[in-house]
N, C-alpha and C. Protein backbone atom coordinates (compact mmCIF):
# COMPACT_ATOMS: atom_id res chain seq x y z
N MET A 1 218.80 104.21 155.80
CA MET A 1 218.58 102.75 155.77
C MET A 1 219.16 102.16 154.49
N LEU A 2 219.77 101.02 154.62
CA LEU A 2 220.28 100.32 153.45
C LEU A 2 219.16 99.57 152.75
N THR A 3 219.29 99.42 151.47
CA THR A 3 218.44 98.46 150.78
C THR A 3 219.22 97.17 150.67
N SER A 4 218.60 96.12 150.17
CA SER A 4 219.30 94.84 150.05
C SER A 4 220.41 94.93 149.02
N SER A 5 220.33 95.92 148.14
CA SER A 5 221.36 96.11 147.13
C SER A 5 221.77 97.58 147.14
N PRO A 6 222.78 97.92 147.93
CA PRO A 6 223.14 99.33 148.13
C PRO A 6 223.46 100.05 146.84
N SER A 7 223.29 101.34 146.86
CA SER A 7 223.55 102.17 145.69
C SER A 7 225.05 102.41 145.56
N ILE A 8 225.74 101.45 144.98
CA ILE A 8 227.16 101.59 144.72
C ILE A 8 227.43 101.34 143.24
N SER A 9 228.63 101.60 142.82
CA SER A 9 228.96 101.57 141.41
C SER A 9 228.58 100.23 140.77
N ASN A 10 228.26 100.29 139.49
CA ASN A 10 227.79 99.10 138.78
C ASN A 10 228.77 97.95 138.87
N SER A 11 230.07 98.25 138.81
CA SER A 11 231.06 97.16 138.83
C SER A 11 231.02 96.42 140.17
N TRP A 12 230.93 97.16 141.28
CA TRP A 12 230.83 96.51 142.59
C TRP A 12 229.47 95.84 142.75
N GLN A 13 228.43 96.42 142.18
CA GLN A 13 227.11 95.83 142.25
C GLN A 13 227.13 94.40 141.70
N LYS A 14 227.80 94.24 140.58
CA LYS A 14 227.91 92.91 139.97
C LYS A 14 228.78 91.98 140.80
N VAL A 15 229.91 92.49 141.26
CA VAL A 15 230.87 91.66 141.99
C VAL A 15 230.28 91.17 143.32
N LEU A 16 229.50 92.03 143.98
CA LEU A 16 229.01 91.74 145.33
C LEU A 16 227.54 91.33 145.37
N ALA A 17 226.93 91.12 144.22
CA ALA A 17 225.49 90.85 144.16
C ALA A 17 225.08 89.70 145.09
N GLU A 18 225.86 88.64 145.12
CA GLU A 18 225.51 87.50 145.97
C GLU A 18 225.54 87.87 147.45
N GLU A 19 226.50 88.72 147.84
CA GLU A 19 226.60 89.10 149.27
C GLU A 19 225.35 89.84 149.72
N PHE A 20 224.81 90.71 148.85
CA PHE A 20 223.67 91.51 149.24
C PHE A 20 222.41 90.67 149.48
N GLU A 21 222.42 89.45 148.96
CA GLU A 21 221.24 88.59 149.11
C GLU A 21 221.39 87.57 150.24
N LYS A 22 222.53 87.53 150.90
CA LYS A 22 222.75 86.53 151.94
C LYS A 22 222.05 86.93 153.24
N PRO A 23 221.65 85.94 154.04
CA PRO A 23 220.93 86.24 155.29
C PRO A 23 221.68 87.18 156.22
N TYR A 24 222.99 87.03 156.34
CA TYR A 24 223.73 87.90 157.27
C TYR A 24 223.61 89.36 156.86
N PHE A 25 223.57 89.63 155.54
CA PHE A 25 223.51 91.02 155.09
C PHE A 25 222.13 91.61 155.36
N HIS A 26 221.10 90.81 155.20
CA HIS A 26 219.75 91.28 155.54
C HIS A 26 219.65 91.55 157.04
N LYS A 27 220.26 90.70 157.83
CA LYS A 27 220.26 90.91 159.28
C LYS A 27 221.02 92.19 159.64
N LEU A 28 222.14 92.43 158.98
CA LEU A 28 222.91 93.65 159.17
C LEU A 28 222.08 94.88 158.79
N GLN A 29 221.36 94.77 157.69
CA GLN A 29 220.50 95.86 157.24
C GLN A 29 219.45 96.19 158.31
N ASP A 30 218.85 95.18 158.87
CA ASP A 30 217.83 95.40 159.92
C ASP A 30 218.46 96.04 161.15
N PHE A 31 219.64 95.59 161.53
CA PHE A 31 220.35 96.16 162.68
C PHE A 31 220.61 97.65 162.46
N LEU A 32 221.11 98.00 161.26
CA LEU A 32 221.43 99.40 160.98
C LEU A 32 220.18 100.27 160.94
N ALA A 33 219.11 99.73 160.39
CA ALA A 33 217.86 100.50 160.36
C ALA A 33 217.39 100.82 161.77
N ALA A 34 217.48 99.84 162.65
CA ALA A 34 217.06 100.05 164.04
C ALA A 34 217.99 101.03 164.74
N GLU A 35 219.28 100.91 164.50
CA GLU A 35 220.25 101.81 165.11
C GLU A 35 220.01 103.26 164.68
N ARG A 36 219.77 103.46 163.41
CA ARG A 36 219.59 104.83 162.92
C ARG A 36 218.30 105.47 163.43
N GLN A 37 217.35 104.67 163.89
CA GLN A 37 216.12 105.22 164.45
C GLN A 37 216.35 105.81 165.84
N THR A 38 217.32 105.28 166.57
CA THR A 38 217.49 105.70 167.97
C THR A 38 218.86 106.28 168.28
N GLN A 39 219.82 106.15 167.37
CA GLN A 39 221.19 106.57 167.64
C GLN A 39 221.73 107.42 166.48
N THR A 40 222.76 108.19 166.77
CA THR A 40 223.51 108.85 165.70
C THR A 40 224.58 107.89 165.21
N ILE A 41 224.58 107.63 163.91
CA ILE A 41 225.49 106.65 163.32
C ILE A 41 226.40 107.35 162.32
N PHE A 42 227.68 107.01 162.37
CA PHE A 42 228.66 107.54 161.41
C PHE A 42 229.20 106.41 160.55
N PRO A 43 229.54 106.68 159.27
CA PRO A 43 229.22 107.93 158.58
C PRO A 43 227.74 108.02 158.24
N ALA A 44 227.32 109.15 157.68
CA ALA A 44 225.95 109.29 157.22
C ALA A 44 225.64 108.18 156.21
N ALA A 45 224.38 107.80 156.15
CA ALA A 45 223.99 106.68 155.28
C ALA A 45 224.48 106.88 153.84
N ILE A 46 224.46 108.10 153.36
CA ILE A 46 224.85 108.37 151.98
C ILE A 46 226.34 108.12 151.74
N ASP A 47 227.14 108.11 152.82
CA ASP A 47 228.59 107.96 152.70
C ASP A 47 229.11 106.55 153.03
N VAL A 48 228.25 105.66 153.47
CA VAL A 48 228.71 104.35 153.95
C VAL A 48 229.52 103.62 152.88
N PHE A 49 229.08 103.71 151.63
CA PHE A 49 229.73 102.98 150.55
C PHE A 49 230.55 103.89 149.63
N SER A 50 230.99 105.03 150.15
CA SER A 50 231.69 105.98 149.27
C SER A 50 233.02 105.43 148.76
N ALA A 51 233.68 104.55 149.52
CA ALA A 51 234.93 103.95 149.03
C ALA A 51 234.70 103.19 147.72
N PHE A 52 233.55 102.55 147.63
CA PHE A 52 233.23 101.76 146.44
C PHE A 52 232.82 102.66 145.27
N GLU A 53 232.18 103.77 145.59
CA GLU A 53 231.82 104.74 144.55
C GLU A 53 233.06 105.38 143.95
N LEU A 54 234.00 105.74 144.80
CA LEU A 54 235.19 106.46 144.34
C LEU A 54 236.20 105.55 143.65
N THR A 55 236.18 104.26 144.00
CA THR A 55 237.16 103.32 143.45
C THR A 55 236.43 102.10 142.89
N PRO A 56 235.98 102.16 141.65
CA PRO A 56 235.30 101.01 141.04
C PRO A 56 236.19 99.77 141.05
N TYR A 57 235.56 98.62 141.03
CA TYR A 57 236.28 97.35 141.15
C TYR A 57 237.41 97.23 140.13
N GLU A 58 237.13 97.58 138.89
CA GLU A 58 238.14 97.38 137.85
C GLU A 58 239.33 98.31 138.00
N LYS A 59 239.19 99.37 138.81
CA LYS A 59 240.27 100.34 138.99
C LYS A 59 241.08 100.11 140.26
N VAL A 60 240.73 99.10 141.06
CA VAL A 60 241.44 98.87 142.31
C VAL A 60 242.84 98.33 142.03
N ASN A 61 243.86 99.13 142.37
CA ASN A 61 245.25 98.70 142.27
C ASN A 61 245.91 98.54 143.64
N VAL A 62 245.34 99.20 144.64
CA VAL A 62 245.85 99.16 146.00
C VAL A 62 244.65 99.03 146.94
N LEU A 63 244.78 98.22 147.98
CA LEU A 63 243.75 98.14 149.02
C LEU A 63 244.40 98.46 150.35
N VAL A 64 243.95 99.53 151.00
CA VAL A 64 244.40 99.88 152.34
C VAL A 64 243.29 99.51 153.31
N LEU A 65 243.62 98.71 154.32
CA LEU A 65 242.60 98.22 155.25
C LEU A 65 242.68 98.93 156.59
N GLY A 66 241.59 99.58 156.95
CA GLY A 66 241.42 100.12 158.29
C GLY A 66 240.50 99.22 159.09
N GLN A 67 240.12 99.67 160.28
CA GLN A 67 239.32 98.80 161.14
C GLN A 67 237.91 99.34 161.38
N ASP A 68 237.81 100.52 161.98
CA ASP A 68 236.53 101.04 162.44
C ASP A 68 236.44 102.51 162.03
N PRO A 69 235.29 102.99 161.59
CA PRO A 69 235.20 104.41 161.22
C PRO A 69 235.46 105.33 162.41
N TYR A 70 235.89 106.53 162.13
CA TYR A 70 236.00 107.54 163.19
C TYR A 70 234.62 107.74 163.82
N HIS A 71 234.62 107.94 165.15
CA HIS A 71 233.34 107.96 165.87
C HIS A 71 232.96 109.34 166.41
N ASN A 72 233.77 110.36 166.11
CA ASN A 72 233.41 111.70 166.55
C ASN A 72 232.72 112.49 165.44
N ASP A 73 232.09 113.59 165.79
CA ASP A 73 231.25 114.34 164.87
C ASP A 73 232.02 114.80 163.63
N ASN A 74 231.38 114.62 162.48
CA ASN A 74 231.84 115.17 161.19
C ASN A 74 233.19 114.64 160.72
N GLN A 75 233.63 113.50 161.26
CA GLN A 75 234.91 112.93 160.81
C GLN A 75 234.72 111.94 159.66
N ALA A 76 234.03 110.86 159.91
CA ALA A 76 233.96 109.74 158.96
C ALA A 76 233.14 110.09 157.73
N HIS A 77 233.63 109.67 156.57
CA HIS A 77 232.86 109.84 155.34
C HIS A 77 233.03 108.64 154.41
N GLY A 78 233.41 107.49 154.97
CA GLY A 78 233.41 106.26 154.21
C GLY A 78 234.73 105.78 153.68
N LEU A 79 235.82 106.52 153.93
CA LEU A 79 237.16 106.08 153.53
C LEU A 79 237.99 105.89 154.79
N CYS A 80 238.68 104.76 154.91
CA CYS A 80 239.49 104.54 156.10
C CYS A 80 240.57 105.63 156.21
N PHE A 81 240.83 106.05 157.42
CA PHE A 81 241.84 107.05 157.79
C PHE A 81 241.50 108.47 157.35
N SER A 82 240.57 108.67 156.43
CA SER A 82 240.26 109.98 155.89
C SER A 82 239.20 110.69 156.73
N VAL A 83 239.31 112.01 156.79
CA VAL A 83 238.27 112.82 157.44
C VAL A 83 237.80 113.91 156.49
N LYS A 84 236.64 114.44 156.78
CA LYS A 84 236.06 115.49 155.94
C LYS A 84 236.92 116.76 156.00
N PRO A 85 236.83 117.58 154.96
CA PRO A 85 237.54 118.87 154.97
C PRO A 85 237.12 119.71 156.17
N GLY A 86 238.10 120.42 156.72
CA GLY A 86 237.82 121.28 157.86
C GLY A 86 237.93 120.60 159.21
N ILE A 87 238.17 119.28 159.21
CA ILE A 87 238.29 118.52 160.45
C ILE A 87 239.78 118.30 160.75
N LYS A 88 240.15 118.46 161.99
CA LYS A 88 241.54 118.26 162.40
C LYS A 88 242.03 116.86 162.02
N THR A 89 243.24 116.79 161.52
CA THR A 89 243.82 115.50 161.13
C THR A 89 243.99 114.62 162.36
N PRO A 90 243.37 113.42 162.40
CA PRO A 90 243.47 112.54 163.57
C PRO A 90 244.90 112.00 163.74
N PRO A 91 245.21 111.52 164.94
CA PRO A 91 246.60 111.10 165.24
C PRO A 91 247.16 110.04 164.30
N SER A 92 246.39 109.00 163.95
CA SER A 92 246.93 107.96 163.06
C SER A 92 247.26 108.53 161.69
N LEU A 93 246.37 109.38 161.18
CA LEU A 93 246.62 109.99 159.88
C LEU A 93 247.79 110.96 159.95
N ALA A 94 247.94 111.66 161.06
CA ALA A 94 249.10 112.53 161.23
C ALA A 94 250.40 111.74 161.14
N ASN A 95 250.39 110.53 161.71
CA ASN A 95 251.57 109.67 161.62
C ASN A 95 251.78 109.14 160.20
N ILE A 96 250.69 108.85 159.50
CA ILE A 96 250.80 108.47 158.10
C ILE A 96 251.45 109.60 157.30
N TYR A 97 251.04 110.82 157.58
CA TYR A 97 251.63 111.98 156.89
C TYR A 97 253.12 112.12 157.20
N LYS A 98 253.51 111.86 158.46
CA LYS A 98 254.93 111.94 158.81
C LYS A 98 255.74 110.90 158.04
N GLU A 99 255.19 109.69 157.93
CA GLU A 99 255.88 108.65 157.18
C GLU A 99 255.93 108.98 155.70
N LEU A 100 254.87 109.54 155.17
CA LEU A 100 254.88 109.99 153.77
C LEU A 100 255.95 111.04 153.55
N ARG A 101 256.05 111.97 154.47
CA ARG A 101 257.06 113.04 154.36
C ARG A 101 258.47 112.44 154.28
N ASP A 102 258.74 111.46 155.13
CA ASP A 102 260.07 110.86 155.18
C ASP A 102 260.31 109.89 154.03
N ASP A 103 259.22 109.31 153.51
CA ASP A 103 259.34 108.26 152.50
C ASP A 103 259.39 108.83 151.08
N VAL A 104 258.48 109.76 150.78
CA VAL A 104 258.34 110.20 149.38
C VAL A 104 258.34 111.73 149.25
N ASP A 105 258.95 112.42 150.19
CA ASP A 105 259.06 113.88 150.11
C ASP A 105 257.69 114.55 150.03
N PHE A 106 256.78 114.02 150.82
CA PHE A 106 255.40 114.51 150.89
C PHE A 106 255.35 115.80 151.70
N LYS A 107 254.56 116.74 151.25
CA LYS A 107 254.37 117.99 151.99
C LYS A 107 253.06 117.88 152.79
N ILE A 108 253.17 117.96 154.11
CA ILE A 108 252.01 117.73 154.96
C ILE A 108 250.95 118.80 154.72
N PRO A 109 249.72 118.40 154.35
CA PRO A 109 248.68 119.36 154.01
C PRO A 109 247.91 119.82 155.25
N ASN A 110 246.99 120.74 155.01
CA ASN A 110 246.19 121.29 156.11
C ASN A 110 244.88 120.56 156.33
N ASN A 111 244.78 119.34 155.77
CA ASN A 111 243.53 118.57 155.88
C ASN A 111 243.81 117.08 155.79
N GLY A 112 242.80 116.29 156.11
CA GLY A 112 242.94 114.84 156.06
C GLY A 112 241.99 114.18 155.10
N TYR A 113 241.68 114.87 154.02
CA TYR A 113 240.68 114.43 153.04
C TYR A 113 241.39 113.65 151.93
N LEU A 114 241.23 112.32 151.94
CA LEU A 114 242.05 111.44 151.11
C LEU A 114 241.37 110.97 149.83
N VAL A 115 240.37 111.70 149.39
CA VAL A 115 239.63 111.30 148.19
C VAL A 115 240.55 111.18 146.98
N ASN A 116 241.58 112.00 146.91
CA ASN A 116 242.53 111.95 145.80
C ASN A 116 243.15 110.56 145.65
N TRP A 117 243.44 109.91 146.76
CA TRP A 117 243.98 108.55 146.69
C TRP A 117 242.95 107.59 146.12
N ALA A 118 241.73 107.68 146.63
CA ALA A 118 240.68 106.77 146.19
C ALA A 118 240.43 106.90 144.69
N GLU A 119 240.48 108.11 144.19
CA GLU A 119 240.23 108.34 142.77
C GLU A 119 241.35 107.80 141.89
N GLN A 120 242.50 107.51 142.49
CA GLN A 120 243.63 106.94 141.74
C GLN A 120 243.69 105.41 141.81
N GLY A 121 242.71 104.79 142.44
CA GLY A 121 242.68 103.33 142.49
C GLY A 121 243.08 102.74 143.82
N VAL A 122 243.07 103.54 144.89
CA VAL A 122 243.35 103.03 146.23
C VAL A 122 242.02 102.81 146.95
N LEU A 123 241.65 101.56 147.15
CA LEU A 123 240.41 101.25 147.87
C LEU A 123 240.66 101.43 149.36
N MET A 124 240.04 102.45 149.93
CA MET A 124 240.25 102.82 151.33
C MET A 124 239.17 102.15 152.17
N LEU A 125 239.41 100.90 152.54
CA LEU A 125 238.38 100.03 153.11
C LEU A 125 238.52 99.87 154.62
N ASN A 126 237.48 100.17 155.36
CA ASN A 126 237.41 99.78 156.76
C ASN A 126 236.80 98.38 156.86
N ALA A 127 237.22 97.62 157.87
CA ALA A 127 236.65 96.29 158.08
C ALA A 127 235.20 96.37 158.54
N VAL A 128 234.89 97.42 159.29
CA VAL A 128 233.52 97.71 159.72
C VAL A 128 233.17 99.07 159.15
N LEU A 129 231.99 99.19 158.55
CA LEU A 129 231.68 100.39 157.78
C LEU A 129 230.83 101.41 158.51
N THR A 130 230.36 101.10 159.70
CA THR A 130 229.56 102.06 160.47
C THR A 130 229.93 101.97 161.94
N VAL A 131 229.55 103.01 162.70
CA VAL A 131 229.83 103.04 164.14
C VAL A 131 228.81 103.97 164.80
N ARG A 132 228.47 103.68 166.05
CA ARG A 132 227.62 104.57 166.82
C ARG A 132 228.45 105.76 167.30
N ALA A 133 227.87 106.93 167.27
CA ALA A 133 228.58 108.14 167.66
C ALA A 133 229.25 108.00 169.01
N HIS A 134 230.54 108.35 169.06
CA HIS A 134 231.31 108.41 170.30
C HIS A 134 231.46 107.05 171.00
N THR A 135 231.25 105.96 170.25
CA THR A 135 231.32 104.62 170.84
C THR A 135 232.11 103.71 169.91
N PRO A 136 233.45 103.71 170.01
CA PRO A 136 234.26 102.91 169.08
C PRO A 136 233.93 101.43 169.14
N ASN A 137 234.00 100.81 167.98
CA ASN A 137 233.76 99.37 167.82
C ASN A 137 232.35 98.94 168.18
N SER A 138 231.41 99.87 168.20
CA SER A 138 230.05 99.55 168.61
C SER A 138 229.29 98.75 167.56
N HIS A 139 229.78 98.70 166.32
CA HIS A 139 229.11 97.92 165.28
C HIS A 139 229.93 96.71 164.84
N LYS A 140 230.91 96.31 165.65
CA LYS A 140 231.66 95.11 165.31
C LYS A 140 230.79 93.88 165.55
N ASN A 141 231.10 92.82 164.83
CA ASN A 141 230.42 91.53 164.97
C ASN A 141 228.93 91.59 164.67
N GLN A 142 228.56 92.51 163.78
CA GLN A 142 227.16 92.60 163.34
C GLN A 142 227.00 92.15 161.88
N GLY A 143 228.10 91.80 161.24
CA GLY A 143 228.04 91.34 159.86
C GLY A 143 228.95 92.07 158.90
N TRP A 144 229.40 93.26 159.30
CA TRP A 144 230.27 94.01 158.39
C TRP A 144 231.55 93.25 158.06
N GLU A 145 232.12 92.57 159.06
CA GLU A 145 233.38 91.87 158.83
C GLU A 145 233.22 90.78 157.78
N THR A 146 232.07 90.11 157.79
CA THR A 146 231.80 89.09 156.77
C THR A 146 231.75 89.73 155.39
N PHE A 147 231.10 90.89 155.32
CA PHE A 147 230.98 91.59 154.05
C PHE A 147 232.34 92.07 153.55
N THR A 148 233.12 92.71 154.40
CA THR A 148 234.40 93.25 153.94
C THR A 148 235.44 92.15 153.69
N ASP A 149 235.33 91.03 154.38
CA ASP A 149 236.17 89.88 154.02
C ASP A 149 235.85 89.42 152.59
N ALA A 150 234.57 89.46 152.25
CA ALA A 150 234.17 89.11 150.88
C ALA A 150 234.74 90.10 149.88
N VAL A 151 234.76 91.39 150.26
CA VAL A 151 235.34 92.41 149.39
C VAL A 151 236.83 92.11 149.16
N ILE A 152 237.55 91.83 150.25
CA ILE A 152 238.98 91.51 150.12
C ILE A 152 239.17 90.30 149.22
N SER A 153 238.34 89.29 149.39
CA SER A 153 238.43 88.08 148.57
C SER A 153 238.16 88.36 147.10
N LYS A 154 237.20 89.23 146.84
CA LYS A 154 236.90 89.60 145.45
C LYS A 154 238.06 90.38 144.82
N VAL A 155 238.66 91.27 145.59
CA VAL A 155 239.83 91.99 145.06
C VAL A 155 240.98 91.01 144.82
N ASN A 156 241.12 90.05 145.71
CA ASN A 156 242.15 89.01 145.54
C ASN A 156 241.95 88.22 144.24
N GLN A 157 240.70 88.11 143.79
CA GLN A 157 240.40 87.35 142.57
C GLN A 157 240.79 88.09 141.29
N LYS A 158 241.09 89.38 141.42
CA LYS A 158 241.52 90.12 140.22
C LYS A 158 242.76 89.47 139.62
N THR A 159 242.79 89.40 138.30
CA THR A 159 243.91 88.72 137.64
C THR A 159 245.16 89.60 137.59
N ASP A 160 244.97 90.93 137.65
CA ASP A 160 246.12 91.82 137.66
C ASP A 160 246.60 92.06 139.08
N LEU A 161 247.83 92.47 139.23
CA LEU A 161 248.43 92.65 140.55
C LEU A 161 247.74 93.76 141.34
N VAL A 162 247.49 93.47 142.61
CA VAL A 162 246.98 94.45 143.57
C VAL A 162 247.94 94.49 144.75
N VAL A 163 248.19 95.67 145.29
CA VAL A 163 249.00 95.82 146.49
C VAL A 163 248.06 95.94 147.68
N PHE A 164 248.16 95.01 148.62
CA PHE A 164 247.36 95.02 149.84
C PHE A 164 248.20 95.59 150.97
N VAL A 165 247.66 96.60 151.66
CA VAL A 165 248.38 97.27 152.74
C VAL A 165 247.70 96.93 154.06
N LEU A 166 248.42 96.19 154.89
CA LEU A 166 247.87 95.69 156.16
C LEU A 166 248.69 96.26 157.31
N TRP A 167 248.11 97.21 158.02
CA TRP A 167 248.79 97.86 159.14
C TRP A 167 248.18 97.40 160.45
N GLY A 168 248.98 96.80 161.31
CA GLY A 168 248.52 96.40 162.63
C GLY A 168 248.03 94.97 162.69
N ALA A 169 247.93 94.45 163.92
CA ALA A 169 247.60 93.04 164.13
C ALA A 169 246.24 92.66 163.56
N TYR A 170 245.28 93.55 163.68
CA TYR A 170 243.94 93.23 163.17
C TYR A 170 243.99 93.02 161.66
N ALA A 171 244.64 93.92 160.96
CA ALA A 171 244.73 93.80 159.50
C ALA A 171 245.55 92.59 159.09
N HIS A 172 246.57 92.26 159.87
CA HIS A 172 247.43 91.13 159.53
C HIS A 172 246.64 89.82 159.49
N LYS A 173 245.54 89.75 160.23
CA LYS A 173 244.72 88.53 160.24
C LYS A 173 244.06 88.27 158.89
N LYS A 174 244.02 89.28 158.04
CA LYS A 174 243.37 89.11 156.73
C LYS A 174 244.32 88.54 155.69
N LEU A 175 245.55 88.28 156.08
CA LEU A 175 246.54 87.78 155.13
C LEU A 175 246.09 86.47 154.47
N ASN A 176 245.31 85.67 155.22
CA ASN A 176 244.88 84.38 154.68
C ASN A 176 243.86 84.53 153.54
N LEU A 177 243.37 85.74 153.31
CA LEU A 177 242.43 85.97 152.21
C LEU A 177 243.14 86.36 150.92
N ILE A 178 244.47 86.48 150.99
CA ILE A 178 245.23 87.04 149.87
C ILE A 178 246.20 86.01 149.31
N ASP A 179 246.20 85.87 147.99
CA ASP A 179 247.14 84.98 147.31
C ASP A 179 248.45 85.75 147.09
N THR A 180 249.41 85.49 147.96
CA THR A 180 250.66 86.26 147.92
C THR A 180 251.56 85.84 146.75
N SER A 181 251.18 84.79 146.04
CA SER A 181 251.95 84.43 144.85
C SER A 181 251.57 85.30 143.66
N ARG A 182 250.42 85.97 143.74
CA ARG A 182 249.95 86.82 142.64
C ARG A 182 249.92 88.29 143.00
N HIS A 183 249.79 88.58 144.28
CA HIS A 183 249.65 89.97 144.73
C HIS A 183 250.78 90.32 145.70
N ILE A 184 250.95 91.60 145.93
CA ILE A 184 251.96 92.11 146.87
C ILE A 184 251.27 92.51 148.16
N VAL A 185 251.84 92.10 149.30
CA VAL A 185 251.33 92.50 150.61
C VAL A 185 252.39 93.33 151.31
N ILE A 186 251.99 94.49 151.80
CA ILE A 186 252.86 95.35 152.59
C ILE A 186 252.26 95.43 153.98
N GLN A 187 253.00 94.98 154.99
CA GLN A 187 252.46 95.00 156.35
C GLN A 187 253.49 95.52 157.34
N SER A 188 252.98 96.16 158.36
CA SER A 188 253.83 96.71 159.41
C SER A 188 252.96 96.96 160.62
N ALA A 189 253.53 97.62 161.62
CA ALA A 189 252.74 98.07 162.76
C ALA A 189 251.71 99.10 162.29
N HIS A 190 250.72 99.34 163.13
CA HIS A 190 249.67 100.31 162.83
C HIS A 190 250.23 101.73 163.03
N PRO A 191 249.74 102.71 162.27
CA PRO A 191 250.23 104.08 162.45
C PRO A 191 249.68 104.82 163.67
N SER A 192 248.91 104.17 164.50
CA SER A 192 248.38 104.85 165.69
C SER A 192 249.52 105.26 166.62
N PRO A 193 249.32 106.28 167.44
CA PRO A 193 250.38 106.71 168.37
C PRO A 193 250.87 105.60 169.29
N LEU A 194 250.04 104.60 169.55
CA LEU A 194 250.42 103.51 170.45
C LEU A 194 251.46 102.58 169.83
N SER A 195 251.48 102.50 168.50
CA SER A 195 252.33 101.48 167.87
C SER A 195 253.22 101.99 166.74
N ALA A 196 253.06 103.24 166.33
CA ALA A 196 253.78 103.72 165.14
C ALA A 196 255.29 103.58 165.27
N ARG A 197 255.81 103.78 166.51
CA ARG A 197 257.26 103.70 166.70
C ARG A 197 257.76 102.26 166.80
N ASN A 198 256.85 101.31 166.74
CA ASN A 198 257.23 99.89 166.85
C ASN A 198 257.23 99.20 165.49
N GLY A 199 257.46 99.97 164.44
CA GLY A 199 257.59 99.34 163.13
C GLY A 199 256.86 100.01 162.00
N PHE A 200 256.02 101.03 162.29
CA PHE A 200 255.40 101.76 161.19
C PHE A 200 256.36 102.83 160.66
N PHE A 201 256.86 103.66 161.56
CA PHE A 201 257.82 104.67 161.12
C PHE A 201 259.07 103.99 160.55
N GLY A 202 259.43 104.41 159.36
CA GLY A 202 260.60 103.83 158.70
C GLY A 202 260.31 102.64 157.83
N SER A 203 259.03 102.26 157.71
CA SER A 203 258.68 101.09 156.91
C SER A 203 258.57 101.42 155.42
N ASN A 204 258.51 102.70 155.08
CA ASN A 204 258.51 103.16 153.68
C ASN A 204 257.45 102.47 152.80
N PRO A 205 256.21 102.40 153.28
CA PRO A 205 255.19 101.67 152.51
C PRO A 205 254.80 102.35 151.21
N PHE A 206 254.87 103.66 151.16
CA PHE A 206 254.33 104.38 150.01
C PHE A 206 255.24 104.27 148.79
N SER A 207 256.53 104.35 149.02
CA SER A 207 257.46 104.11 147.91
C SER A 207 257.41 102.63 147.50
N ALA A 208 257.19 101.73 148.46
CA ALA A 208 257.10 100.30 148.13
C ALA A 208 255.87 100.02 147.28
N ILE A 209 254.77 100.67 147.58
CA ILE A 209 253.56 100.52 146.77
C ILE A 209 253.85 100.94 145.33
N ASN A 210 254.45 102.10 145.17
CA ASN A 210 254.71 102.59 143.82
C ASN A 210 255.72 101.74 143.07
N THR A 211 256.70 101.20 143.78
CA THR A 211 257.65 100.29 143.13
C THR A 211 256.94 99.05 142.61
N ALA A 212 256.04 98.51 143.42
CA ALA A 212 255.28 97.33 143.01
C ALA A 212 254.40 97.63 141.80
N LEU A 213 253.71 98.76 141.83
CA LEU A 213 252.85 99.12 140.70
C LEU A 213 253.67 99.33 139.44
N GLN A 214 254.79 100.02 139.58
CA GLN A 214 255.65 100.29 138.43
C GLN A 214 256.19 99.00 137.82
N SER A 215 256.41 97.99 138.66
CA SER A 215 256.99 96.72 138.18
C SER A 215 256.09 96.00 137.20
N VAL A 216 254.78 96.29 137.24
CA VAL A 216 253.85 95.64 136.31
C VAL A 216 253.22 96.66 135.35
N GLY A 217 253.85 97.83 135.26
CA GLY A 217 253.40 98.82 134.29
C GLY A 217 252.17 99.60 134.68
N LYS A 218 251.82 99.58 135.97
CA LYS A 218 250.67 100.36 136.43
C LYS A 218 251.13 101.74 136.87
N PRO A 219 250.25 102.74 136.78
CA PRO A 219 250.67 104.09 137.18
C PRO A 219 250.92 104.18 138.68
N GLU A 220 251.94 104.92 139.04
CA GLU A 220 252.22 105.15 140.45
C GLU A 220 251.13 106.04 141.06
N ILE A 221 251.00 105.97 142.37
CA ILE A 221 250.06 106.84 143.09
C ILE A 221 250.76 108.16 143.39
N ASP A 222 250.10 109.26 143.06
CA ASP A 222 250.56 110.57 143.50
C ASP A 222 249.99 110.78 144.90
N TRP A 223 250.82 110.63 145.91
CA TRP A 223 250.35 110.64 147.30
C TRP A 223 250.04 112.03 147.82
N GLN A 224 250.49 113.05 147.14
CA GLN A 224 250.32 114.40 147.67
C GLN A 224 248.84 114.78 147.80
N ILE A 225 248.48 115.30 148.95
CA ILE A 225 247.14 115.82 149.21
C ILE A 225 247.24 117.34 149.18
N SER A 226 246.38 117.96 148.40
CA SER A 226 246.43 119.42 148.26
C SER A 226 245.83 120.11 149.48
N ASN A 227 246.32 121.28 149.78
CA ASN A 227 245.70 122.10 150.80
C ASN A 227 244.31 122.53 150.34
N ILE A 228 243.45 122.74 151.32
CA ILE A 228 242.08 123.18 151.03
C ILE A 228 241.91 124.59 151.60
């Protein structure tokens, strides 16, 4: 169960304090408490805010936006596109790895655990942070989108440059939350098997992210994921 002020890093606690007190968030909290009493919910409660724990507000240099957590057993752990160690790499992430290989000479690893990116300042944010087991999009329109829109807006308020990565039509709708005169937006088709060949493959987003970061003197992201 969530409290009205989730256990996340102090920097995010301050930035999002007003959101935690709004009526929609309390309503979302009640919904999740009821869901967890009768349903299996992913990720586990302890992992719901792990993206914020791993990437404090002041360290966010890149924001990658996903949509819905993985809904099968032992996959989701609070970072978009990432899965726990020992879990087969899902199709969208497999396509991300293929693009990384072609873009930045990435060596495809034996896992899909992307914590290394988060620790380097990549906020791996899903638009919806929870899902009922084996039921995709089951927690949409319950308040998470309001919360994560606020997160995007708060990142947009940072005075230093942030690279926003928007893959697919759903993510593209968030463009209106971003001041493109101050920040860099990289957008293309989604890496899912349904759309990757329609503009994701060959878009070279990872080298573009590093070029943008380098242009303002920020450290590049080491995209390589180690084998486990």
